[in-house]
Amino acid sequence: MSTELWHEERLLIGGDLVGAEAGATYPTVDPSTGDELGTASDATVDDAGRAVAAARRAFDSTAWATDRDLRLHGLRQLH
């Protein structure tokens, strides 16, 4: 069994994987061992604003707001 973890350093905004606006990253650390697991994008306030705006557009223009089965399917995928 492999212990290598898959990771993604980019942000998911509007369905696209994009780097943080400032290009900054930070290490992610396993709190139980202190081992570095990888790196993550260090999102700016503007990155967060773009993500919120994209989420709002998706909510307003897709079936997410009205289709219970679609939401349930998404939650089951996350589970």
C-alpha atoms as a PDB file:
ATOM      1  CA  MET A   1       0.000   0.000   0.000  1.00  0.00           C
ATOM      2  CA  SER A   2       1.425   3.344  -1.052  1.00  0.00           C
ATOM      3  CA  THR A   3       1.577   6.129   1.512  1.00  0.00           C
ATOM      4  CA  GLU A   4       2.168   8.806  -1.121  1.00  0.00           C
ATOM      5  CA  LEU A   5      -0.630  11.369  -1.051  1.00  0.00           C
ATOM      6  CA  TRP A   6      -2.030  13.089  -4.107  1.00  0.00           C
ATOM      7  CA  HIS A   7      -2.164  16.826  -3.751  1.00  0.00           C
ATOM      8  CA  GLU A   8      -3.123  19.803  -5.805  1.00  0.00           C
ATOM      9  CA  GLU A   9      -1.439  23.145  -5.233  1.00  0.00           C
ATOM     10  CA  ARG A  10      -3.854  25.231  -7.298  1.00  0.00           C
ATOM     11  CA  LEU A  11      -7.197  26.717  -6.256  1.00  0.00           C
ATOM     12  CA  LEU A  12     -10.490  25.520  -7.746  1.00  0.00           C
ATOM     13  CA  ILE A  13     -12.362  28.656  -8.822  1.00  0.00           C
ATOM     14  CA  GLY A  14     -15.275  28.560 -11.236  1.00  0.00           C
ATOM     15  CA  GLY A  15     -14.498  24.995 -12.228  1.00  0.00           C
ATOM     16  CA  ASP A  16     -10.906  25.819 -13.184  1.00  0.00           C
ATOM     17  CA  LEU A  17      -7.698  25.045 -11.333  1.00  0.00           C
ATOM     18  CA  VAL A  18      -5.777  28.310 -10.991  1.00  0.00           C
ATOM     19  CA  GLY A  19      -2.758  29.462  -9.065  1.00  0.00           C
ATOM     20  CA  ALA A  20      -3.107  32.020  -6.301  1.00  0.00           C
ATOM     21  CA  GLU A  21      -3.069  35.590  -7.596  1.00  0.00           C
ATOM     22  CA  ALA A  22       0.161  36.424  -5.760  1.00  0.00           C
ATOM     23  CA  GLY A  23       1.740  33.067  -6.610  1.00  0.00           C
ATOM     24  CA  ALA A  24       2.467  32.380  -2.940  1.00  0.00           C
ATOM     25  CA  THR A  25       2.276  28.935  -1.371  1.00  0.00           C
ATOM     26  CA  TYR A  26       2.693  27.499   2.117  1.00  0.00           C
ATOM     27  CA  PRO A  27       3.562  24.030   3.434  1.00  0.00           C
ATOM     28  CA  THR A  28       0.830  21.724   4.706  1.00  0.00           C
ATOM     29  CA  VAL A  29       1.874  19.799   7.791  1.00  0.00           C
ATOM     30  CA  ASP A  30       0.598  16.598   9.408  1.00  0.00           C
ATOM     31  CA  PRO A  31      -0.196  17.783  12.952  1.00  0.00           C
ATOM     32  CA  SER A  32       0.379  14.327  14.419  1.00  0.00           C
ATOM     33  CA  THR A  33       3.937  13.976  13.113  1.00  0.00           C
ATOM     34  CA  GLY A  34       5.017  17.437  12.017  1.00  0.00           C
ATOM     35  CA  ASP A  35       5.912  15.990   8.594  1.00  0.00           C
ATOM     36  CA  GLU A  36       5.384  18.220   5.589  1.00  0.00           C
ATOM     37  CA  LEU A  37       2.726  16.706   3.339  1.00  0.00           C
ATOM     38  CA  GLY A  38       2.926  19.139   0.450  1.00  0.00           C
ATOM     39  CA  THR A  39       2.202  22.721  -0.444  1.00  0.00           C
ATOM     40  CA  ALA A  40      -0.990  24.702  -0.949  1.00  0.00           C
ATOM     41  CA  SER A  41      -1.759  27.968  -2.693  1.00  0.00           C
ATOM     42  CA  ASP A  42      -1.895  30.930  -0.351  1.00  0.00           C
ATOM     43  CA  ALA A  43      -5.081  32.587  -1.557  1.00  0.00           C
ATOM     44  CA  THR A  44      -5.461  36.338  -1.367  1.00  0.00           C
ATOM     45  CA  VAL A  45      -8.609  38.244  -0.457  1.00  0.00           C
ATOM     46  CA  ASP A  46      -9.142  38.805  -4.191  1.00  0.00           C
ATOM     47  CA  ASP A  47      -8.834  35.037  -4.825  1.00  0.00           C
ATOM     48  CA  ALA A  48     -11.514  34.449  -2.182  1.00  0.00           C
ATOM     49  CA  GLY A  49     -13.703  37.109  -3.779  1.00  0.00           C
ATOM     50  CA  ARG A  50     -13.375  35.452  -7.189  1.00  0.00           C
ATOM     51  CA  ALA A  51     -14.301  32.092  -5.636  1.00  0.00           C
ATOM     52  CA  VAL A  52     -17.365  33.530  -3.907  1.00  0.00           C
ATOM     53  CA  ALA A  53     -18.474  35.273  -7.120  1.00  0.00           C
ATOM     54  CA  ALA A  54     -18.040  32.036  -9.106  1.00  0.00           C
ATOM     55  CA  ALA A  55     -20.049  30.113  -6.513  1.00  0.00           C
ATOM     56  CA  ARG A  56     -22.800  32.731  -6.650  1.00  0.00           C
ATOM     57  CA  ARG A  57     -22.926  32.510 -10.462  1.00  0.00           C
ATOM     58  CA  ALA A  58     -23.119  28.718 -10.310  1.00  0.00           C
ATOM     59  CA  PHE A  59     -25.875  28.854  -7.712  1.00  0.00           C
ATOM     60  CA  ASP A  60     -27.897  31.348  -9.765  1.00  0.00           C
ATOM     61  CA  SER A  61     -27.420  29.754 -13.193  1.00  0.00           C
ATOM     62  CA  THR A  62     -27.456  25.991 -12.586  1.00  0.00           C
ATOM     63  CA  ALA A  63     -29.895  23.471 -11.144  1.00  0.00           C
ATOM     64  CA  TRP A  64     -27.924  23.361  -7.870  1.00  0.00           C
ATOM     65  CA  ALA A  65     -30.426  25.640  -6.127  1.00  0.00           C
ATOM     66  CA  THR A  66     -33.515  23.658  -7.141  1.00  0.00           C
ATOM     67  CA  ASP A  67     -32.429  20.059  -7.812  1.00  0.00           C
ATOM     68  CA  ARG A  68     -32.341  18.107  -4.558  1.00  0.00           C
ATOM     69  CA  ASP A  69     -31.016  14.958  -6.255  1.00  0.00           C
ATOM     70  CA  LEU A  70     -28.080  16.881  -7.746  1.00  0.00           C
ATOM     71  CA  ARG A  71     -27.101  18.231  -4.304  1.00  0.00           C
ATOM     72  CA  LEU A  72     -27.498  14.804  -2.733  1.00  0.00           C
ATOM     73  CA  HIS A  73     -25.293  13.265  -5.431  1.00  0.00           C
ATOM     74  CA  GLY A  74     -22.599  15.890  -4.758  1.00  0.00           C
ATOM     75  CA  LEU A  75     -22.729  15.287  -1.014  1.00  0.00           C
ATOM     76  CA  ARG A  76     -22.471  11.540  -1.527  1.00  0.00           C
ATOM     77  CA  GLN A  77     -19.403  12.061  -3.705  1.00  0.00           C
ATOM     78  CA  LEU A  78     -17.777  14.090  -0.941  1.00  0.00           C
ATOM     79  CA  HIS A  79     -18.647  11.483   1.647  1.00  0.00           C
END
